Amino acid sequence: MAGLVPAIHVSLTLLMAGFVYIMSNRRDGILYVGVTSDLPKRAYEHRSGLVAGFTKRYGLKRLIWVEQYDDIRSAIQREKTMKHWPRAWKVRLINAMNPEWSDLYDELM
């Protein structure tokens, strides 16, 4: 029976969705790329200043870009890749999805 536990764990991990997101403080402002399995909760934490670190220090409370994945591992890999991208590439992604850099937080609810 003990041999089944890892297989069940792997199956549940594969089913967990993930989100890659970008936060900013204003249009053409500072950017932060993150990943989470619970986007509404994580965005709320950033907006409320509950997360110590970069986003709190620079007041990044505006959710401006989101990409969803069926598998959290794919989302984690995408976030790691995007963190190494030049700023111009991230800005192109944002402008393609959200040219006004509107806060998308209210659309989550």
PDB file of N, CA and C in Angstrom:
ATOM      1  N   MET A   1       0.807  -1.192   0.000  1.00  0.00           N
ATOM      2  CA  MET A   1       0.000   0.000   0.000  1.00  0.00           C
ATOM      3  C   MET A   1       0.856   1.265   0.000  1.00  0.00           C
ATOM      4  N   ALA A   2       1.977   1.228   0.678  1.00  0.00           N
ATOM      5  CA  ALA A   2       2.810   2.417   0.773  1.00  0.00           C
ATOM      6  C   ALA A   2       3.283   2.886  -0.603  1.00  0.00           C
ATOM      7  N   GLY A   3       3.390   1.954  -1.543  1.00  0.00           N
ATOM      8  CA  GLY A   3       3.818   2.306  -2.891  1.00  0.00           C
ATOM      9  C   GLY A   3       2.807   3.153  -3.637  1.00  0.00           C
ATOM     10  N   LEU A   4       1.544   3.166  -3.216  1.00  0.00           N
ATOM     11  CA  LEU A   4       0.509   3.941  -3.900  1.00  0.00           C
ATOM     12  C   LEU A   4       0.533   5.418  -3.525  1.00  0.00           C
ATOM     13  N   VAL A   5       1.007   5.733  -2.363  1.00  0.00           N
ATOM     14  CA  VAL A   5       0.977   7.120  -1.895  1.00  0.00           C
ATOM     15  C   VAL A   5       1.724   8.068  -2.831  1.00  0.00           C
ATOM     16  N   PRO A   6       2.955   7.774  -3.249  1.00  0.00           N
ATOM     17  CA  PRO A   6       3.625   8.695  -4.181  1.00  0.00           C
ATOM     18  C   PRO A   6       2.868   8.862  -5.500  1.00  0.00           C
ATOM     19  N   ALA A   7       2.275   7.789  -6.002  1.00  0.00           N
ATOM     20  CA  ALA A   7       1.531   7.878  -7.264  1.00  0.00           C
ATOM     21  C   ALA A   7       0.321   8.786  -7.099  1.00  0.00           C
ATOM     22  N   ILE A   8      -0.369   8.684  -5.987  1.00  0.00           N
ATOM     23  CA  ILE A   8      -1.523   9.549  -5.733  1.00  0.00           C
ATOM     24  C   ILE A   8      -1.063  10.989  -5.608  1.00  0.00           C
ATOM     25  N   HIS A   9       0.033  11.215  -4.911  1.00  0.00           N
ATOM     26  CA  HIS A   9       0.562  12.568  -4.734  1.00  0.00           C
ATOM     27  C   HIS A   9       0.915  13.200  -6.083  1.00  0.00           C
ATOM     28  N   VAL A  10       1.565  12.449  -6.944  1.00  0.00           N
ATOM     29  CA  VAL A  10       1.937  12.956  -8.266  1.00  0.00           C
ATOM     30  C   VAL A  10       0.690  13.314  -9.060  1.00  0.00           C
ATOM     31  N   SER A  11      -0.338  12.483  -9.006  1.00  0.00           N
ATOM     32  CA  SER A  11      -1.572  12.739  -9.739  1.00  0.00           C
ATOM     33  C   SER A  11      -2.232  14.022  -9.260  1.00  0.00           C
ATOM     34  N   LEU A  12      -2.267  14.246  -7.953  1.00  0.00           N
ATOM     35  CA  LEU A  12      -2.870  15.464  -7.420  1.00  0.00           C
ATOM     36  C   LEU A  12      -2.067  16.688  -7.818  1.00  0.00           C
ATOM     37  N   THR A  13      -0.751  16.579  -7.824  1.00  0.00           N
ATOM     38  CA  THR A  13       0.097  17.698  -8.230  1.00  0.00           C
ATOM     39  C   THR A  13      -0.170  18.075  -9.675  1.00  0.00           C
ATOM     40  N   LEU A  14      -0.362  17.094 -10.528  1.00  0.00           N
ATOM     41  CA  LEU A  14      -0.613  17.369 -11.937  1.00  0.00           C
ATOM     42  C   LEU A  14      -1.925  18.099 -12.152  1.00  0.00           C
ATOM     43  N   LEU A  15      -2.884  17.895 -11.258  1.00  0.00           N
ATOM     44  CA  LEU A  15      -4.194  18.506 -11.416  1.00  0.00           C
ATOM     45  C   LEU A  15      -4.256  19.926 -10.853  1.00  0.00           C
ATOM     46  N   MET A  16      -3.241  20.349 -10.105  1.00  0.00           N
ATOM     47  CA  MET A  16      -3.271  21.669  -9.495  1.00  0.00           C
ATOM     48  C   MET A  16      -2.954  22.740 -10.540  1.00  0.00           C
ATOM     49  N   ALA A  17      -3.865  23.668 -10.706  1.00  0.00           N
ATOM     50  CA  ALA A  17      -3.662  24.766 -11.655  1.00  0.00           C
ATOM     51  C   ALA A  17      -2.667  25.766 -11.093  1.00  0.00           C
ATOM     52  N   GLY A  18      -2.080  26.531 -11.969  1.00  0.00           N
ATOM     53  CA  GLY A  18      -1.143  27.563 -11.562  1.00  0.00           C
ATOM     54  C   GLY A  18      -1.340  28.814 -12.386  1.00  0.00           C
ATOM     55  N   PHE A  19      -0.924  29.928 -11.832  1.00  0.00           N
ATOM     56  CA  PHE A  19      -1.026  31.222 -12.492  1.00  0.00           C
ATOM     57  C   PHE A  19       0.314  31.930 -12.447  1.00  0.00           C
ATOM     58  N   VAL A  20       0.717  32.489 -13.557  1.00  0.00           N
ATOM     59  CA  VAL A  20       1.849  33.404 -13.599  1.00  0.00           C
ATOM     60  C   VAL A  20       1.216  34.786 -13.717  1.00  0.00           C
ATOM     61  N   TYR A  21       1.720  35.745 -12.951  1.00  0.00           N
ATOM     62  CA  TYR A  21       1.104  37.062 -12.938  1.00  0.00           C
ATOM     63  C   TYR A  21       2.170  38.144 -12.865  1.00  0.00           C
ATOM     64  N   ILE A  22       1.768  39.350 -13.261  1.00  0.00           N
ATOM     65  CA  ILE A  22       2.653  40.514 -13.149  1.00  0.00           C
ATOM     66  C   ILE A  22       1.922  41.583 -12.357  1.00  0.00           C
ATOM     67  N   MET A  23       2.619  42.118 -11.362  1.00  0.00           N
ATOM     68  CA  MET A  23       2.122  43.233 -10.552  1.00  0.00           C
ATOM     69  C   MET A  23       2.926  44.478 -10.921  1.00  0.00           C
ATOM     70  N   SER A  24       2.288  45.640 -10.764  1.00  0.00           N
ATOM     71  CA  SER A  24       2.971  46.906 -11.003  1.00  0.00           C
ATOM     72  C   SER A  24       2.405  47.964 -10.063  1.00  0.00           C
ATOM     73  N   ASN A  25       3.070  49.105 -10.019  1.00  0.00           N
ATOM     74  CA  ASN A  25       2.578  50.207  -9.197  1.00  0.00           C
ATOM     75  C   ASN A  25       1.811  51.229 -10.031  1.00  0.00           C
ATOM     76  N   ARG A  26       2.050  51.254 -11.333  1.00  0.00           N
ATOM     77  CA  ARG A  26       1.382  52.199 -12.235  1.00  0.00           C
ATOM     78  C   ARG A  26       1.721  51.820 -13.667  1.00  0.00           C
ATOM     79  N   ARG A  27       1.094  52.495 -14.619  1.00  0.00           N
ATOM     80  CA  ARG A  27       1.399  52.260 -16.028  1.00  0.00           C
ATOM     81  C   ARG A  27       2.876  52.540 -16.279  1.00  0.00           C
ATOM     82  N   ASP A  28       3.543  51.638 -16.976  1.00  0.00           N
ATOM     83  CA  ASP A  28       4.971  51.735 -17.261  1.00  0.00           C
ATOM     84  C   ASP A  28       5.823  51.839 -15.995  1.00  0.00           C
ATOM     85  N   GLY A  29       5.313  51.283 -14.903  1.00  0.00           N
ATOM     86  CA  GLY A  29       6.023  51.325 -13.631  1.00  0.00           C
ATOM     87  C   GLY A  29       6.893  50.093 -13.405  1.00  0.00           C
ATOM     88  N   ILE A  30       7.198  49.864 -12.162  1.00  0.00           N
ATOM     89  CA  ILE A  30       8.018  48.723 -11.748  1.00  0.00           C
ATOM     90  C   ILE A  30       7.218  47.447 -11.955  1.00  0.00           C
ATOM     91  N   LEU A  31       7.889  46.380 -12.369  1.00  0.00           N
ATOM     92  CA  LEU A  31       7.232  45.100 -12.629  1.00  0.00           C
ATOM     93  C   LEU A  31       7.719  44.008 -11.686  1.00  0.00           C
ATOM     94  N   TYR A  32       6.791  43.142 -11.303  1.00  0.00           N
ATOM     95  CA  TYR A  32       7.119  41.958 -10.509  1.00  0.00           C
ATOM     96  C   TYR A  32       6.411  40.761 -11.132  1.00  0.00           C
ATOM     97  N   VAL A  33       7.143  39.712 -11.423  1.00  0.00           N
ATOM     98  CA  VAL A  33       6.580  38.472 -11.964  1.00  0.00           C
ATOM     99  C   VAL A  33       6.499  37.460 -10.838  1.00  0.00           C
ATOM    100  N   GLY A  34       5.316  36.858 -10.662  1.00  0.00           N
ATOM    101  CA  GLY A  34       5.128  35.863  -9.618  1.00  0.00           C
ATOM    102  C   GLY A  34       4.348  34.670 -10.112  1.00  0.00           C
ATOM    103  N   VAL A  35       4.249  33.652  -9.255  1.00  0.00           N
ATOM    104  CA  VAL A  35       3.502  32.436  -9.572  1.00  0.00           C
ATOM    105  C   VAL A  35       2.727  32.022  -8.323  1.00  0.00           C
ATOM    106  N   THR A  36       1.533  31.462  -8.531  1.00  0.00           N
ATOM    107  CA  THR A  36       0.708  31.024  -7.411  1.00  0.00           C
ATOM    108  C   THR A  36      -0.309  30.007  -7.886  1.00  0.00           C
ATOM    109  N   SER A  37      -0.863  29.261  -6.947  1.00  0.00           N
ATOM    110  CA  SER A  37      -1.962  28.351  -7.264  1.00  0.00           C
ATOM    111  C   SER A  37      -3.301  28.978  -6.870  1.00  0.00           C
ATOM    112  N   ASP A  38      -3.263  30.088  -6.142  1.00  0.00           N
ATOM    113  CA  ASP A  38      -4.487  30.775  -5.695  1.00  0.00           C
ATOM    114  C   ASP A  38      -4.349  32.266  -5.990  1.00  0.00           C
ATOM    115  N   LEU A  39      -4.698  32.656  -7.214  1.00  0.00           N
ATOM    116  CA  LEU A  39      -4.480  34.030  -7.660  1.00  0.00           C
ATOM    117  C   LEU A  39      -5.262  35.071  -6.864  1.00  0.00           C
ATOM    118  N   PRO A  40      -6.553  34.886  -6.594  1.00  0.00           N
ATOM    119  CA  PRO A  40      -7.265  35.914  -5.812  1.00  0.00           C
ATOM    120  C   PRO A  40      -6.626  36.160  -4.447  1.00  0.00           C
ATOM    121  N   LYS A  41      -6.247  35.079  -3.772  1.00  0.00           N
ATOM    122  CA  LYS A  41      -5.616  35.218  -2.448  1.00  0.00           C
ATOM    123  C   LYS A  41      -4.273  35.937  -2.558  1.00  0.00           C
ATOM    124  N   ARG A  42      -3.457  35.522  -3.516  1.00  0.00           N
ATOM    125  CA  ARG A  42      -2.115  36.103  -3.650  1.00  0.00           C
ATOM    126  C   ARG A  42      -2.186  37.576  -4.039  1.00  0.00           C
ATOM    127  N   ALA A  43      -3.086  37.920  -4.959  1.00  0.00           N
ATOM    128  CA  ALA A  43      -3.243  39.321  -5.355  1.00  0.00           C
ATOM    129  C   ALA A  43      -3.707  40.160  -4.163  1.00  0.00           C
ATOM    130  N   TYR A  44      -4.614  39.614  -3.372  1.00  0.00           N
ATOM    131  CA  TYR A  44      -5.073  40.308  -2.167  1.00  0.00           C
ATOM    132  C   TYR A  44      -3.915  40.552  -1.201  1.00  0.00           C
ATOM    133  N   GLU A  45      -3.070  39.548  -1.035  1.00  0.00           N
ATOM    134  CA  GLU A  45      -1.919  39.698  -0.138  1.00  0.00           C
ATOM    135  C   GLU A  45      -0.998  40.823  -0.614  1.00  0.00           C
ATOM    136  N   HIS A  46      -0.755  40.897  -1.911  1.00  0.00           N
ATOM    137  CA  HIS A  46       0.082  41.981  -2.438  1.00  0.00           C
ATOM    138  C   HIS A  46      -0.599  43.332  -2.221  1.00  0.00           C
ATOM    139  N   ARG A  47      -1.866  43.426  -2.564  1.00  0.00           N
ATOM    140  CA  ARG A  47      -2.605  44.685  -2.459  1.00  0.00           C
ATOM    141  C   ARG A  47      -2.674  45.198  -1.020  1.00  0.00           C
ATOM    142  N   SER A  48      -2.760  44.279  -0.079  1.00  0.00           N
ATOM    143  CA  SER A  48      -2.895  44.645   1.331  1.00  0.00           C
ATOM    144  C   SER A  48      -1.561  44.836   2.030  1.00  0.00           C
ATOM    145  N   GLY A  49      -0.472  44.602   1.331  1.00  0.00           N
ATOM    146  CA  GLY A  49       0.848  44.745   1.937  1.00  0.00           C
ATOM    147  C   GLY A  49       1.175  43.646   2.926  1.00  0.00           C
ATOM    148  N   LEU A  50       0.529  42.495   2.788  1.00  0.00           N
ATOM    149  CA  LEU A  50       0.761  41.380   3.702  1.00  0.00           C
ATOM    150  C   LEU A  50       2.013  40.598   3.365  1.00  0.00           C
ATOM    151  N   VAL A  51       2.565  40.806   2.167  1.00  0.00           N
ATOM    152  CA  VAL A  51       3.740  40.083   1.710  1.00  0.00           C
ATOM    153  C   VAL A  51       4.960  40.990   1.852  1.00  0.00           C
ATOM    154  N   ALA A  52       5.842  40.646   2.779  1.00  0.00           N
ATOM    155  CA  ALA A  52       7.063  41.432   2.951  1.00  0.00           C
ATOM    156  C   ALA A  52       7.973  41.201   1.751  1.00  0.00           C
ATOM    157  N   GLY A  53       8.692  42.225   1.356  1.00  0.00           N
ATOM    158  CA  GLY A  53       9.646  42.057   0.269  1.00  0.00           C
ATOM    159  C   GLY A  53       9.462  43.088  -0.825  1.00  0.00           C
ATOM    160  N   PHE A  54       9.806  42.693  -2.037  1.00  0.00           N
ATOM    161  CA  PHE A  54       9.878  43.586  -3.194  1.00  0.00           C
ATOM    162  C   PHE A  54       8.556  44.300  -3.473  1.00  0.00           C
ATOM    163  N   THR A  55       7.448  43.550  -3.523  1.00  0.00           N
ATOM    164  CA  THR A  55       6.172  44.178  -3.882  1.00  0.00           C
ATOM    165  C   THR A  55       5.709  45.170  -2.818  1.00  0.00           C
ATOM    166  N   LYS A  56       5.939  44.860  -1.571  1.00  0.00           N
ATOM    167  CA  LYS A  56       5.549  45.789  -0.507  1.00  0.00           C
ATOM    168  C   LYS A  56       6.455  47.018  -0.510  1.00  0.00           C
ATOM    169  N   ARG A  57       7.751  46.796  -0.671  1.00  0.00           N
ATOM    170  CA  ARG A  57       8.716  47.894  -0.659  1.00  0.00           C
ATOM    171  C   ARG A  57       8.417  48.926  -1.743  1.00  0.00           C
ATOM    172  N   TYR A  58       8.002  48.463  -2.916  1.00  0.00           N
ATOM    173  CA  TYR A  58       7.777  49.371  -4.043  1.00  0.00           C
ATOM    174  C   TYR A  58       6.304  49.649  -4.324  1.00  0.00           C
ATOM    175  N   GLY A  59       5.411  49.199  -3.465  1.00  0.00           N
ATOM    176  CA  GLY A  59       3.989  49.496  -3.606  1.00  0.00           C
ATOM    177  C   GLY A  59       3.352  48.910  -4.851  1.00  0.00           C
ATOM    178  N   LEU A  60       3.709  47.675  -5.187  1.00  0.00           N
ATOM    179  CA  LEU A  60       3.174  47.020  -6.384  1.00  0.00           C
ATOM    180  C   LEU A  60       1.847  46.349  -6.018  1.00  0.00           C
ATOM    181  N   LYS A  61       0.751  47.052  -6.261  1.00  0.00           N
ATOM    182  CA  LYS A  61      -0.568  46.580  -5.851  1.00  0.00           C
ATOM    183  C   LYS A  61      -1.505  46.351  -7.027  1.00  0.00           C
ATOM    184  N   ARG A  62      -1.056  46.639  -8.222  1.00  0.00           N
ATOM    185  CA  ARG A  62      -1.905  46.541  -9.412  1.00  0.00           C
ATOM    186  C   ARG A  62      -1.587  45.247 -10.169  1.00  0.00           C
ATOM    187  N   LEU A  63      -2.576  44.363 -10.270  1.00  0.00           N
ATOM    188  CA  LEU A  63      -2.449  43.130 -11.053  1.00  0.00           C
ATOM    189  C   LEU A  63      -2.713  43.488 -12.511  1.00  0.00           C
ATOM    190  N   ILE A  64      -1.681  43.375 -13.360  1.00  0.00           N
ATOM    191  CA  ILE A  64      -1.840  43.873 -14.729  1.00  0.00           C
ATOM    192  C   ILE A  64      -1.749  42.802 -15.806  1.00  0.00           C
ATOM    193  N   TRP A  65      -1.338  41.582 -15.446  1.00  0.00           N
ATOM    194  CA  TRP A  65      -1.218  40.518 -16.454  1.00  0.00           C
ATOM    195  C   TRP A  65      -1.314  39.174 -15.758  1.00  0.00           C
ATOM    196  N   VAL A  66      -2.009  38.228 -16.404  1.00  0.00           N
ATOM    197  CA  VAL A  66      -2.185  36.886 -15.840  1.00  0.00           C
ATOM    198  C   VAL A  66      -2.166  35.860 -16.963  1.00  0.00           C
ATOM    199  N   GLU A  67      -1.575  34.711 -16.647  1.00  0.00           N
ATOM    200  CA  GLU A  67      -1.587  33.577 -17.563  1.00  0.00           C
ATOM    201  C   GLU A  67      -1.863  32.333 -16.713  1.00  0.00           C
ATOM    202  N   GLN A  68      -2.841  31.523 -17.111  1.00  0.00           N
ATOM    203  CA  GLN A  68      -3.219  30.338 -16.336  1.00  0.00           C
ATOM    204  C   GLN A  68      -2.665  29.072 -16.977  1.00  0.00           C
ATOM    205  N   TYR A  69      -2.291  28.115 -16.131  1.00  0.00           N
ATOM    206  CA  TYR A  69      -1.774  26.812 -16.565  1.00  0.00           C
ATOM    207  C   TYR A  69      -2.535  25.715 -15.844  1.00  0.00           C
ATOM    208  N   ASP A  70      -2.738  24.601 -16.514  1.00  0.00           N
ATOM    209  CA  ASP A  70      -3.412  23.455 -15.896  1.00  0.00           C
ATOM    210  C   ASP A  70      -2.528  22.772 -14.859  1.00  0.00           C
ATOM    211  N   ASP A  71      -1.232  22.902 -15.001  1.00  0.00           N
ATOM    212  CA  ASP A  71      -0.273  22.224 -14.138  1.00  0.00           C
ATOM    213  C   ASP A  71       0.630  23.280 -13.488  1.00  0.00           C
ATOM    214  N   ILE A  72       0.675  23.289 -12.175  1.00  0.00           N
ATOM    215  CA  ILE A  72       1.464  24.287 -11.448  1.00  0.00           C
ATOM    216  C   ILE A  72       2.942  24.229 -11.845  1.00  0.00           C
ATOM    217  N   ARG A  73       3.429  23.058 -12.213  1.00  0.00           N
ATOM    218  CA  ARG A  73       4.841  22.942 -12.599  1.00  0.00           C
ATOM    219  C   ARG A  73       5.131  23.732 -13.866  1.00  0.00           C
ATOM    220  N   SER A  74       4.190  23.762 -14.793  1.00  0.00           N
ATOM    221  CA  SER A  74       4.349  24.559 -16.016  1.00  0.00           C
ATOM    222  C   SER A  74       4.359  26.046 -15.682  1.00  0.00           C
ATOM    223  N   ALA A  75       3.513  26.442 -14.739  1.00  0.00           N
ATOM    224  CA  ALA A  75       3.465  27.849 -14.317  1.00  0.00           C
ATOM    225  C   ALA A  75       4.782  28.254 -13.655  1.00  0.00           C
ATOM    226  N   ILE A  76       5.318  27.388 -12.824  1.00  0.00           N
ATOM    227  CA  ILE A  76       6.595  27.678 -12.149  1.00  0.00           C
ATOM    228  C   ILE A  76       7.717  27.832 -13.172  1.00  0.00           C
ATOM    229  N   GLN A  77       7.750  26.959 -14.155  1.00  0.00           N
ATOM    230  CA  GLN A  77       8.786  27.046 -15.187  1.00  0.00           C
ATOM    231  C   GLN A  77       8.647  28.337 -15.991  1.00  0.00           C
ATOM    232  N   ARG A  78       7.419  28.711 -16.342  1.00  0.00           N
ATOM    233  CA  ARG A  78       7.181  29.945 -17.098  1.00  0.00           C
ATOM    234  C   ARG A  78       7.632  31.161 -16.287  1.00  0.00           C
ATOM    235  N   GLU A  79       7.318  31.182 -14.990  1.00  0.00           N
ATOM    236  CA  GLU A  79       7.728  32.303 -14.137  1.00  0.00           C
ATOM    237  C   GLU A  79       9.251  32.411 -14.085  1.00  0.00           C
ATOM    238  N   LYS A  80       9.934  31.298 -13.916  1.00  0.00           N
ATOM    239  CA  LYS A  80      11.400  31.310 -13.861  1.00  0.00           C
ATOM    240  C   LYS A  80      11.981  31.838 -15.168  1.00  0.00           C
ATOM    241  N   THR A  81      11.393  31.432 -16.285  1.00  0.00           N
ATOM    242  CA  THR A  81      11.854  31.900 -17.593  1.00  0.00           C
ATOM    243  C   THR A  81      11.622  33.404 -17.735  1.00  0.00           C
ATOM    244  N   MET A  82      10.419  33.859 -17.383  1.00  0.00           N
ATOM    245  CA  MET A  82      10.073  35.277 -17.540  1.00  0.00           C
ATOM    246  C   MET A  82      10.921  36.193 -16.664  1.00  0.00           C
ATOM    247  N   LYS A  83      11.326  35.714 -15.500  1.00  0.00           N
ATOM    248  CA  LYS A  83      12.153  36.539 -14.614  1.00  0.00           C
ATOM    249  C   LYS A  83      13.493  36.901 -15.267  1.00  0.00           C
ATOM    250  N   HIS A  84      13.911  36.110 -16.247  1.00  0.00           N
ATOM    251  CA  HIS A  84      15.165  36.390 -16.951  1.00  0.00           C
ATOM    252  C   HIS A  84      14.964  37.198 -18.232  1.00  0.00           C
ATOM    253  N   TRP A  85      13.739  37.462 -18.586  1.00  0.00           N
ATOM    254  CA  TRP A  85      13.449  38.227 -19.801  1.00  0.00           C
ATOM    255  C   TRP A  85      13.813  39.694 -19.632  1.00  0.00           C
ATOM    256  N   PRO A  86      14.162  40.351 -20.728  1.00  0.00           N
ATOM    257  CA  PRO A  86      14.301  41.811 -20.678  1.00  0.00           C
ATOM    258  C   PRO A  86      12.942  42.455 -20.392  1.00  0.00           C
ATOM    259  N   ARG A  87      12.966  43.611 -19.793  1.00  0.00           N
ATOM    260  CA  ARG A  87      11.736  44.339 -19.468  1.00  0.00           C
ATOM    261  C   ARG A  87      10.865  44.541 -20.707  1.00  0.00           C
ATOM    262  N   ALA A  88      11.469  44.845 -21.844  1.00  0.00           N
ATOM    263  CA  ALA A  88      10.705  45.120 -23.066  1.00  0.00           C
ATOM    264  C   ALA A  88       9.814  43.937 -23.448  1.00  0.00           C
ATOM    265  N   TRP A  89      10.273  42.726 -23.245  1.00  0.00           N
ATOM    266  CA  TRP A  89       9.466  41.544 -23.572  1.00  0.00           C
ATOM    267  C   TRP A  89       8.238  41.466 -22.661  1.00  0.00           C
ATOM    268  N   LYS A  90       8.434  41.760 -21.375  1.00  0.00           N
ATOM    269  CA  LYS A  90       7.319  41.726 -20.420  1.00  0.00           C
ATOM    270  C   LYS A  90       6.306  42.825 -20.757  1.00  0.00           C
ATOM    271  N   VAL A  91       6.803  43.989 -21.108  1.00  0.00           N
ATOM    272  CA  VAL A  91       5.919  45.102 -21.470  1.00  0.00           C
ATOM    273  C   VAL A  91       5.096  44.739 -22.702  1.00  0.00           C
ATOM    274  N   ARG A  92       5.699  44.064 -23.681  1.00  0.00           N
ATOM    275  CA  ARG A  92       4.952  43.620 -24.868  1.00  0.00           C
ATOM    276  C   ARG A  92       3.816  42.678 -24.487  1.00  0.00           C
ATOM    277  N   LEU A  93       4.088  41.749 -23.582  1.00  0.00           N
ATOM    278  CA  LEU A  93       3.039  40.833 -23.112  1.00  0.00           C
ATOM    279  C   LEU A  93       1.897  41.599 -22.456  1.00  0.00           C
ATOM    280  N   ILE A  94       2.241  42.529 -21.597  1.00  0.00           N
ATOM    281  CA  ILE A  94       1.228  43.329 -20.898  1.00  0.00           C
ATOM    282  C   ILE A  94       0.411  44.126 -21.903  1.00  0.00           C
ATOM    283  N   ASN A  95       1.079  44.810 -22.810  1.00  0.00           N
ATOM    284  CA  ASN A  95       0.380  45.644 -23.788  1.00  0.00           C
ATOM    285  C   ASN A  95      -0.531  44.834 -24.699  1.00  0.00           C
ATOM    286  N   ALA A  96      -0.162  43.592 -24.996  1.00  0.00           N
ATOM    287  CA  ALA A  96      -0.998  42.739 -25.847  1.00  0.00           C
ATOM    288  C   ALA A  96      -2.289  42.333 -25.125  1.00  0.00           C
ATOM    289  N   MET A  97      -2.204  42.108 -23.829  1.00  0.00           N
ATOM    290  CA  MET A  97      -3.369  41.648 -23.063  1.00  0.00           C
ATOM    291  C   MET A  97      -4.128  42.796 -22.403  1.00  0.00           C
ATOM    292  N   ASN A  98      -3.403  43.806 -21.958  1.00  0.00           N
ATOM    293  CA  ASN A  98      -3.986  44.864 -21.139  1.00  0.00           C
ATOM    294  C   ASN A  98      -3.310  46.196 -21.487  1.00  0.00           C
ATOM    295  N   PRO A  99      -3.605  46.751 -22.675  1.00  0.00           N
ATOM    296  CA  PRO A  99      -2.894  47.955 -23.133  1.00  0.00           C
ATOM    297  C   PRO A  99      -3.049  49.179 -22.230  1.00  0.00           C
ATOM    298  N   GLU A 100      -4.103  49.217 -21.445  1.00  0.00           N
ATOM    299  CA  GLU A 100      -4.304  50.346 -20.528  1.00  0.00           C
ATOM    300  C   GLU A 100      -3.634  50.128 -19.170  1.00  0.00           C
ATOM    301  N   TRP A 101      -3.060  48.958 -18.987  1.00  0.00           N
ATOM    302  CA  TRP A 101      -2.458  48.557 -17.712  1.00  0.00           C
ATOM    303  C   TRP A 101      -3.478  48.681 -16.575  1.00  0.00           C
ATOM    304  N   SER A 102      -4.714  48.321 -16.874  1.00  0.00           N
ATOM    305  CA  SER A 102      -5.783  48.373 -15.873  1.00  0.00           C
ATOM    306  C   SER A 102      -5.555  47.311 -14.807  1.00  0.00           C
ATOM    307  N   ASP A 103      -6.037  47.592 -13.606  1.00  0.00           N
ATOM    308  CA  ASP A 103      -5.948  46.629 -12.526  1.00  0.00           C
ATOM    309  C   ASP A 103      -6.975  45.527 -12.767  1.00  0.00           C
ATOM    310  N   LEU A 104      -6.524  44.291 -12.875  1.00  0.00           N
ATOM    311  CA  LEU A 104      -7.385  43.153 -13.187  1.00  0.00           C
ATOM    312  C   LEU A 104      -7.950  42.477 -11.931  1.00  0.00           C
ATOM    313  N   TYR A 105      -7.620  42.986 -10.778  1.00  0.00           N
ATOM    314  CA  TYR A 105      -8.015  42.346  -9.521  1.00  0.00           C
ATOM    315  C   TYR A 105      -9.536  42.190  -9.417  1.00  0.00           C
ATOM    316  N   ASP A 106     -10.291  43.210  -9.746  1.00  0.00           N
ATOM    317  CA  ASP A 106     -11.742  43.148  -9.617  1.00  0.00           C
ATOM    318  C   ASP A 106     -12.365  42.081 -10.534  1.00  0.00           C
ATOM    319  N   GLU A 107     -11.697  41.752 -11.609  1.00  0.00           N
ATOM    320  CA  GLU A 107     -12.198  40.729 -12.536  1.00  0.00           C
ATOM    321  C   GLU A 107     -12.039  39.316 -11.962  1.00  0.00           C
ATOM    322  N   LEU A 108     -11.235  39.178 -10.905  1.00  0.00           N
ATOM    323  CA  LEU A 108     -11.024  37.874 -10.277  1.00  0.00           C
ATOM    324  C   LEU A 108     -12.218  37.471  -9.421  1.00  0.00           C
ATOM    325  N   MET A 109     -12.948  38.424  -8.957  1.00  0.00           N
ATOM    326  CA  MET A 109     -14.043  38.157  -8.014  1.00  0.00           C
ATOM    327  C   MET A 109     -15.329  37.823  -8.706  1.00  0.00           C
TER     328      MET A 109
END
